[in-house]
Amino acid sequence: MKKVLVKVKGTQDVDGEKAVVELSTEGTIREFDGDYIITYNDDPTESGGQTKTQLTVQKNGTVILDRRGDLNSRLVITEGERNSCLYAIPQGSLTLGIYGKTVKNTMTANGGTVKMVYSIDMNLEPLSDNEVEIFVEER
């Protein structure tokens, strides 16, 4: 396990209204059976509380974004596929559809980048278009 600097830039487009969130934090990276697992804590001012994020970049190109804490979700993003995913907040849980438009990564055991472009729907009704870029560099 190595310490890394994790920089996240996320853009969400809801009905033409774009919102950008950026985060820079320390985390860890480890390799497990050809997959890369990056773990970091979200900024409590952004998420409203303490949330730990685990990003798994699988060797087959799928990215799994697990968040645990005050916000719980598991998003599975695979290029060209729609996955059903759980999103839970204190008010309740939702099942969302995540359609991976683009998933690219240059991840190695020392860091790299992951870029995901995906759309989110609920009951097949579009909610948002999203683009997330994650930069990981060894400390």
N, C-alpha and C. Protein backbone atom coordinates (compact mmCIF):
# COMPACT_ATOMS: atom_id res chain seq x y z
N MET A 1 0.86 -1.17 0.00
CA MET A 1 0.00 0.00 0.00
C MET A 1 0.91 1.24 0.00
N LYS A 2 0.59 2.16 -0.87
CA LYS A 2 1.37 3.40 -0.99
C LYS A 2 0.50 4.59 -0.71
N LYS A 3 1.10 5.63 -0.11
CA LYS A 3 0.38 6.88 0.08
C LYS A 3 0.39 7.65 -1.24
N VAL A 4 -0.76 8.27 -1.54
CA VAL A 4 -0.90 9.02 -2.78
C VAL A 4 -1.66 10.32 -2.54
N LEU A 5 -1.49 11.23 -3.49
CA LEU A 5 -2.31 12.42 -3.55
C LEU A 5 -3.41 12.14 -4.57
N VAL A 6 -4.66 12.37 -4.18
CA VAL A 6 -5.80 12.11 -5.06
C VAL A 6 -6.47 13.45 -5.36
N LYS A 7 -6.59 13.75 -6.66
CA LYS A 7 -7.30 14.96 -7.10
C LYS A 7 -8.49 14.51 -7.93
N VAL A 8 -9.67 15.00 -7.55
CA VAL A 8 -10.91 14.62 -8.23
C VAL A 8 -11.55 15.88 -8.78
N LYS A 9 -11.95 15.81 -10.06
CA LYS A 9 -12.72 16.90 -10.65
C LYS A 9 -13.96 16.28 -11.27
N GLY A 10 -15.12 16.68 -10.77
CA GLY A 10 -16.38 16.14 -11.25
C GLY A 10 -17.27 17.24 -11.80
N THR A 11 -17.87 16.97 -12.94
CA THR A 11 -18.81 17.90 -13.55
C THR A 11 -20.14 17.17 -13.73
N GLN A 12 -21.20 17.80 -13.25
CA GLN A 12 -22.54 17.23 -13.38
C GLN A 12 -23.42 18.22 -14.13
N ASP A 13 -24.12 17.72 -15.15
CA ASP A 13 -25.01 18.55 -15.96
C ASP A 13 -26.43 18.04 -15.76
N VAL A 14 -27.26 18.89 -15.16
CA VAL A 14 -28.68 18.57 -14.95
C VAL A 14 -29.49 19.62 -15.70
N ASP A 15 -30.16 19.19 -16.75
CA ASP A 15 -30.99 20.10 -17.55
C ASP A 15 -30.25 21.36 -17.99
N GLY A 16 -28.99 21.20 -18.41
CA GLY A 16 -28.21 22.32 -18.91
C GLY A 16 -27.52 23.15 -17.83
N GLU A 17 -27.78 22.85 -16.57
CA GLU A 17 -27.12 23.54 -15.45
C GLU A 17 -25.94 22.69 -15.00
N LYS A 18 -24.72 23.24 -15.16
CA LYS A 18 -23.52 22.49 -14.80
C LYS A 18 -23.01 22.89 -13.43
N ALA A 19 -22.58 21.89 -12.68
CA ALA A 19 -21.96 22.09 -11.39
C ALA A 19 -20.62 21.35 -11.39
N VAL A 20 -19.59 22.02 -10.88
CA VAL A 20 -18.25 21.43 -10.84
C VAL A 20 -17.83 21.30 -9.39
N VAL A 21 -17.30 20.12 -9.04
CA VAL A 21 -16.78 19.87 -7.70
C VAL A 21 -15.34 19.41 -7.85
N GLU A 22 -14.45 20.00 -7.05
CA GLU A 22 -13.05 19.59 -7.07
C GLU A 22 -12.62 19.24 -5.66
N LEU A 23 -11.78 18.23 -5.55
CA LEU A 23 -11.30 17.74 -4.26
C LEU A 23 -9.84 17.34 -4.41
N SER A 24 -9.03 17.69 -3.44
CA SER A 24 -7.65 17.25 -3.38
C SER A 24 -7.42 16.72 -1.98
N THR A 25 -6.98 15.47 -1.87
CA THR A 25 -6.84 14.84 -0.56
C THR A 25 -5.78 13.75 -0.62
N GLU A 26 -5.37 13.31 0.54
CA GLU A 26 -4.43 12.19 0.60
C GLU A 26 -5.20 10.89 0.67
N GLY A 27 -4.59 9.84 0.14
CA GLY A 27 -5.22 8.53 0.16
C GLY A 27 -4.17 7.45 0.02
N THR A 28 -4.63 6.28 -0.34
CA THR A 28 -3.72 5.15 -0.56
C THR A 28 -4.07 4.44 -1.85
N ILE A 29 -3.10 3.74 -2.41
CA ILE A 29 -3.32 2.90 -3.57
C ILE A 29 -2.68 1.55 -3.30
N ARG A 30 -3.35 0.51 -3.75
CA ARG A 30 -2.77 -0.83 -3.67
C ARG A 30 -3.24 -1.63 -4.87
N GLU A 31 -2.44 -2.58 -5.23
CA GLU A 31 -2.78 -3.46 -6.34
C GLU A 31 -3.24 -4.79 -5.78
N PHE A 32 -4.32 -5.33 -6.32
CA PHE A 32 -4.82 -6.62 -5.90
C PHE A 32 -5.27 -7.39 -7.12
N ASP A 33 -4.54 -8.42 -7.47
CA ASP A 33 -4.89 -9.31 -8.58
C ASP A 33 -5.12 -8.55 -9.90
N GLY A 34 -4.27 -7.55 -10.15
CA GLY A 34 -4.36 -6.80 -11.39
C GLY A 34 -5.31 -5.61 -11.36
N ASP A 35 -6.06 -5.45 -10.27
CA ASP A 35 -6.94 -4.30 -10.09
C ASP A 35 -6.22 -3.29 -9.20
N TYR A 36 -6.58 -2.01 -9.32
CA TYR A 36 -6.01 -0.97 -8.48
C TYR A 36 -7.11 -0.42 -7.59
N ILE A 37 -6.81 -0.33 -6.30
CA ILE A 37 -7.78 0.11 -5.31
C ILE A 37 -7.25 1.39 -4.67
N ILE A 38 -7.97 2.48 -4.88
CA ILE A 38 -7.61 3.78 -4.33
C ILE A 38 -8.64 4.12 -3.26
N THR A 39 -8.16 4.49 -2.08
CA THR A 39 -9.04 4.80 -0.96
C THR A 39 -8.72 6.20 -0.45
N TYR A 40 -9.77 6.99 -0.20
CA TYR A 40 -9.58 8.34 0.34
C TYR A 40 -10.85 8.78 1.05
N ASN A 41 -10.73 9.82 1.88
CA ASN A 41 -11.88 10.41 2.57
C ASN A 41 -12.34 11.64 1.81
N ASP A 42 -13.66 11.74 1.62
CA ASP A 42 -14.22 12.93 0.98
C ASP A 42 -14.16 14.09 1.93
N ASP A 43 -14.12 15.29 1.38
CA ASP A 43 -14.14 16.52 2.15
C ASP A 43 -15.50 16.65 2.83
N PRO A 44 -15.53 16.74 4.17
CA PRO A 44 -16.83 16.82 4.85
C PRO A 44 -17.64 18.04 4.46
N THR A 45 -17.01 19.12 3.99
CA THR A 45 -17.78 20.28 3.57
C THR A 45 -18.50 20.04 2.26
N GLU A 46 -17.98 19.12 1.42
CA GLU A 46 -18.62 18.81 0.14
C GLU A 46 -19.78 17.83 0.31
N SER A 47 -19.55 16.77 1.09
CA SER A 47 -20.56 15.73 1.20
C SER A 47 -21.50 15.93 2.38
N GLY A 48 -21.18 16.88 3.26
CA GLY A 48 -22.05 17.14 4.40
C GLY A 48 -21.70 16.29 5.61
N GLY A 49 -20.73 15.42 5.50
CA GLY A 49 -20.32 14.58 6.61
C GLY A 49 -19.13 13.74 6.21
N GLN A 50 -18.81 12.78 7.03
CA GLN A 50 -17.65 11.93 6.76
C GLN A 50 -18.03 10.79 5.83
N THR A 51 -17.34 10.69 4.70
CA THR A 51 -17.58 9.61 3.75
C THR A 51 -16.25 9.11 3.24
N LYS A 52 -16.06 7.80 3.31
CA LYS A 52 -14.85 7.16 2.80
C LYS A 52 -15.15 6.61 1.42
N THR A 53 -14.28 6.90 0.47
CA THR A 53 -14.47 6.45 -0.90
C THR A 53 -13.41 5.41 -1.26
N GLN A 54 -13.86 4.34 -1.89
CA GLN A 54 -12.94 3.33 -2.43
C GLN A 54 -13.22 3.22 -3.92
N LEU A 55 -12.22 3.52 -4.71
CA LEU A 55 -12.31 3.47 -6.16
C LEU A 55 -11.53 2.24 -6.62
N THR A 56 -12.22 1.31 -7.27
CA THR A 56 -11.56 0.11 -7.78
C THR A 56 -11.52 0.19 -9.30
N VAL A 57 -10.32 0.22 -9.84
CA VAL A 57 -10.12 0.24 -11.29
C VAL A 57 -9.76 -1.18 -11.69
N GLN A 58 -10.71 -1.88 -12.29
CA GLN A 58 -10.52 -3.27 -12.62
C GLN A 58 -9.73 -3.43 -13.92
N LYS A 59 -9.02 -4.54 -14.03
CA LYS A 59 -8.20 -4.78 -15.22
C LYS A 59 -9.06 -4.92 -16.49
N ASN A 60 -10.36 -5.20 -16.34
CA ASN A 60 -11.24 -5.30 -17.52
C ASN A 60 -11.79 -3.94 -17.94
N GLY A 61 -11.40 -2.85 -17.21
CA GLY A 61 -11.83 -1.50 -17.59
C GLY A 61 -13.00 -0.96 -16.79
N THR A 62 -13.68 -1.80 -16.03
CA THR A 62 -14.79 -1.35 -15.19
C THR A 62 -14.24 -0.58 -13.99
N VAL A 63 -14.95 0.47 -13.59
CA VAL A 63 -14.59 1.24 -12.40
C VAL A 63 -15.75 1.13 -11.41
N ILE A 64 -15.43 0.79 -10.17
CA ILE A 64 -16.43 0.70 -9.11
C ILE A 64 -16.13 1.78 -8.09
N LEU A 65 -17.12 2.62 -7.84
CA LEU A 65 -16.99 3.72 -6.89
C LEU A 65 -17.87 3.42 -5.69
N ASP A 66 -17.23 3.00 -4.59
CA ASP A 66 -17.94 2.68 -3.35
C ASP A 66 -17.76 3.83 -2.38
N ARG A 67 -18.86 4.31 -1.81
CA ARG A 67 -18.80 5.36 -0.80
C ARG A 67 -19.54 4.87 0.44
N ARG A 68 -18.88 5.04 1.60
CA ARG A 68 -19.46 4.57 2.86
C ARG A 68 -19.32 5.66 3.91
N GLY A 69 -20.36 5.82 4.70
CA GLY A 69 -20.35 6.82 5.76
C GLY A 69 -21.70 7.50 5.81
N ASP A 70 -21.67 8.84 5.85
CA ASP A 70 -22.93 9.60 5.86
C ASP A 70 -23.66 9.47 4.54
N LEU A 71 -22.92 9.15 3.48
CA LEU A 71 -23.48 8.89 2.15
C LEU A 71 -23.01 7.51 1.73
N ASN A 72 -23.93 6.66 1.29
CA ASN A 72 -23.58 5.31 0.87
C ASN A 72 -24.02 5.09 -0.57
N SER A 73 -23.09 4.65 -1.39
CA SER A 73 -23.44 4.35 -2.77
C SER A 73 -22.43 3.37 -3.34
N ARG A 74 -22.84 2.72 -4.39
CA ARG A 74 -21.96 1.82 -5.14
C ARG A 74 -22.32 2.00 -6.60
N LEU A 75 -21.46 2.73 -7.30
CA LEU A 75 -21.65 2.97 -8.72
C LEU A 75 -20.70 2.08 -9.50
N VAL A 76 -21.23 1.35 -10.46
CA VAL A 76 -20.43 0.49 -11.33
C VAL A 76 -20.49 1.11 -12.72
N ILE A 77 -19.32 1.50 -13.23
CA ILE A 77 -19.27 2.21 -14.51
C ILE A 77 -18.44 1.38 -15.48
N THR A 78 -19.12 0.89 -16.51
CA THR A 78 -18.50 0.09 -17.56
C THR A 78 -18.84 0.72 -18.89
N GLU A 79 -17.83 0.98 -19.69
CA GLU A 79 -18.06 1.62 -20.98
C GLU A 79 -19.01 0.77 -21.83
N GLY A 80 -20.07 1.44 -22.34
CA GLY A 80 -21.03 0.78 -23.22
C GLY A 80 -22.08 -0.07 -22.52
N GLU A 81 -22.13 0.00 -21.18
CA GLU A 81 -23.11 -0.80 -20.43
C GLU A 81 -23.89 0.06 -19.45
N ARG A 82 -25.12 -0.37 -19.15
CA ARG A 82 -25.93 0.25 -18.11
C ARG A 82 -25.98 -0.70 -16.92
N ASN A 83 -25.64 -0.18 -15.75
CA ASN A 83 -25.67 -0.96 -14.52
C ASN A 83 -26.65 -0.33 -13.55
N SER A 84 -27.35 -1.16 -12.79
CA SER A 84 -28.22 -0.67 -11.72
C SER A 84 -27.38 -0.55 -10.46
N CYS A 85 -27.49 0.60 -9.79
CA CYS A 85 -26.63 0.88 -8.65
C CYS A 85 -27.44 1.46 -7.49
N LEU A 86 -26.96 1.22 -6.28
CA LEU A 86 -27.61 1.70 -5.07
C LEU A 86 -27.04 3.04 -4.65
N TYR A 87 -27.92 3.95 -4.26
CA TYR A 87 -27.53 5.26 -3.76
C TYR A 87 -28.37 5.52 -2.51
N ALA A 88 -27.72 5.60 -1.36
CA ALA A 88 -28.46 5.75 -0.10
C ALA A 88 -28.04 7.02 0.62
N ILE A 89 -29.03 7.79 1.05
CA ILE A 89 -28.83 8.98 1.85
C ILE A 89 -29.71 8.83 3.09
N PRO A 90 -29.54 9.69 4.10
CA PRO A 90 -30.34 9.53 5.32
C PRO A 90 -31.85 9.49 5.07
N GLN A 91 -32.32 10.15 4.01
CA GLN A 91 -33.75 10.18 3.73
C GLN A 91 -34.27 8.90 3.09
N GLY A 92 -33.37 8.03 2.59
CA GLY A 92 -33.80 6.78 1.97
C GLY A 92 -32.85 6.33 0.88
N SER A 93 -33.22 5.23 0.23
CA SER A 93 -32.37 4.63 -0.80
C SER A 93 -33.04 4.69 -2.17
N LEU A 94 -32.21 4.79 -3.19
CA LEU A 94 -32.68 4.80 -4.58
C LEU A 94 -31.88 3.80 -5.38
N THR A 95 -32.50 3.23 -6.39
CA THR A 95 -31.77 2.44 -7.37
C THR A 95 -31.68 3.28 -8.62
N LEU A 96 -30.45 3.52 -9.07
CA LEU A 96 -30.20 4.36 -10.23
C LEU A 96 -29.60 3.54 -11.35
N GLY A 97 -29.83 3.97 -12.57
CA GLY A 97 -29.16 3.38 -13.72
C GLY A 97 -27.95 4.22 -14.06
N ILE A 98 -26.81 3.57 -14.27
CA ILE A 98 -25.58 4.25 -14.63
C ILE A 98 -25.14 3.70 -15.99
N TYR A 99 -25.13 4.59 -17.00
CA TYR A 99 -24.69 4.17 -18.33
C TYR A 99 -23.30 4.76 -18.59
N GLY A 100 -22.32 3.88 -18.75
CA GLY A 100 -20.95 4.31 -19.00
C GLY A 100 -20.74 4.65 -20.46
N LYS A 101 -20.50 5.93 -20.73
CA LYS A 101 -20.23 6.36 -22.10
C LYS A 101 -18.76 6.16 -22.44
N THR A 102 -17.87 6.59 -21.54
CA THR A 102 -16.43 6.45 -21.74
C THR A 102 -15.78 6.12 -20.41
N VAL A 103 -14.88 5.15 -20.40
CA VAL A 103 -14.07 4.84 -19.23
C VAL A 103 -12.64 4.63 -19.72
N LYS A 104 -11.74 5.50 -19.30
CA LYS A 104 -10.34 5.42 -19.70
C LYS A 104 -9.47 5.52 -18.46
N ASN A 105 -8.36 4.77 -18.45
CA ASN A 105 -7.45 4.91 -17.32
C ASN A 105 -6.02 4.57 -17.73
N THR A 106 -5.10 5.16 -16.99
CA THR A 106 -3.67 4.90 -17.16
C THR A 106 -3.08 4.45 -15.83
N MET A 107 -3.89 3.82 -15.00
CA MET A 107 -3.50 3.50 -13.64
C MET A 107 -2.38 2.46 -13.58
N THR A 108 -1.42 2.71 -12.70
CA THR A 108 -0.36 1.75 -12.37
C THR A 108 -0.27 1.71 -10.85
N ALA A 109 0.62 0.91 -10.33
CA ALA A 109 0.79 0.82 -8.88
C ALA A 109 1.32 2.12 -8.29
N ASN A 110 1.82 3.04 -9.12
CA ASN A 110 2.36 4.31 -8.66
C ASN A 110 1.40 5.48 -8.88
N GLY A 111 0.25 5.22 -9.48
CA GLY A 111 -0.72 6.28 -9.73
C GLY A 111 -1.13 6.29 -11.19
N GLY A 112 -1.75 7.39 -11.61
CA GLY A 112 -2.23 7.51 -12.98
C GLY A 112 -3.52 8.31 -12.98
N THR A 113 -4.29 8.15 -14.05
CA THR A 113 -5.55 8.88 -14.16
C THR A 113 -6.69 7.93 -14.53
N VAL A 114 -7.88 8.33 -14.14
CA VAL A 114 -9.11 7.64 -14.51
C VAL A 114 -10.07 8.72 -14.98
N LYS A 115 -10.67 8.52 -16.14
CA LYS A 115 -11.68 9.46 -16.63
C LYS A 115 -12.93 8.66 -16.98
N MET A 116 -14.06 9.11 -16.41
CA MET A 116 -15.33 8.43 -16.64
C MET A 116 -16.36 9.46 -17.11
N VAL A 117 -17.05 9.14 -18.18
CA VAL A 117 -18.17 9.94 -18.65
C VAL A 117 -19.37 9.00 -18.61
N TYR A 118 -20.42 9.40 -17.88
CA TYR A 118 -21.56 8.52 -17.71
C TYR A 118 -22.83 9.32 -17.48
N SER A 119 -23.95 8.69 -17.71
CA SER A 119 -25.24 9.32 -17.43
C SER A 119 -25.93 8.53 -16.31
N ILE A 120 -26.77 9.24 -15.58
CA ILE A 120 -27.53 8.64 -14.49
C ILE A 120 -29.01 8.79 -14.80
N ASP A 121 -29.76 7.70 -14.60
CA ASP A 121 -31.21 7.77 -14.77
C ASP A 121 -31.89 7.10 -13.59
N MET A 122 -33.17 7.44 -13.41
CA MET A 122 -34.00 6.79 -12.41
C MET A 122 -35.27 6.36 -13.13
N ASN A 123 -35.55 5.06 -13.08
CA ASN A 123 -36.69 4.50 -13.82
C ASN A 123 -36.62 4.86 -15.30
N LEU A 124 -35.41 4.84 -15.85
CA LEU A 124 -35.12 5.15 -17.25
C LEU A 124 -35.37 6.61 -17.63
N GLU A 125 -35.65 7.46 -16.65
CA GLU A 125 -35.79 8.90 -16.89
C GLU A 125 -34.45 9.56 -16.61
N PRO A 126 -33.89 10.29 -17.58
CA PRO A 126 -32.57 10.91 -17.39
C PRO A 126 -32.55 11.87 -16.20
N LEU A 127 -31.48 11.77 -15.39
CA LEU A 127 -31.27 12.68 -14.27
C LEU A 127 -30.11 13.63 -14.53
N SER A 128 -28.96 13.07 -14.98
CA SER A 128 -27.79 13.92 -15.18
C SER A 128 -26.78 13.25 -16.10
N ASP A 129 -25.92 14.11 -16.67
CA ASP A 129 -24.74 13.66 -17.40
C ASP A 129 -23.55 14.06 -16.55
N ASN A 130 -22.58 13.15 -16.44
CA ASN A 130 -21.47 13.35 -15.52
C ASN A 130 -20.14 13.06 -16.17
N GLU A 131 -19.14 13.80 -15.74
CA GLU A 131 -17.76 13.54 -16.15
C GLU A 131 -16.90 13.65 -14.91
N VAL A 132 -16.12 12.62 -14.64
CA VAL A 132 -15.25 12.60 -13.47
C VAL A 132 -13.85 12.24 -13.91
N GLU A 133 -12.89 13.08 -13.50
CA GLU A 133 -11.48 12.80 -13.74
C GLU A 133 -10.79 12.69 -12.38
N ILE A 134 -10.04 11.60 -12.22
CA ILE A 134 -9.33 11.36 -10.96
C ILE A 134 -7.86 11.20 -11.28
N PHE A 135 -7.04 12.03 -10.62
CA PHE A 135 -5.59 11.99 -10.80
C PHE A 135 -4.98 11.46 -9.51
N VAL A 136 -4.13 10.45 -9.63
CA VAL A 136 -3.51 9.82 -8.47
C VAL A 136 -2.00 9.87 -8.68
N GLU A 137 -1.29 10.45 -7.70
CA GLU A 137 0.17 10.47 -7.80
C GLU A 137 0.80 10.07 -6.49
N GLU A 138 1.87 9.28 -6.60
CA GLU A 138 2.55 8.76 -5.41
C GLU A 138 3.16 9.91 -4.62
N ARG A 139 3.09 9.80 -3.29
CA ARG A 139 3.68 10.80 -2.39
C ARG A 139 5.11 10.49 -2.13
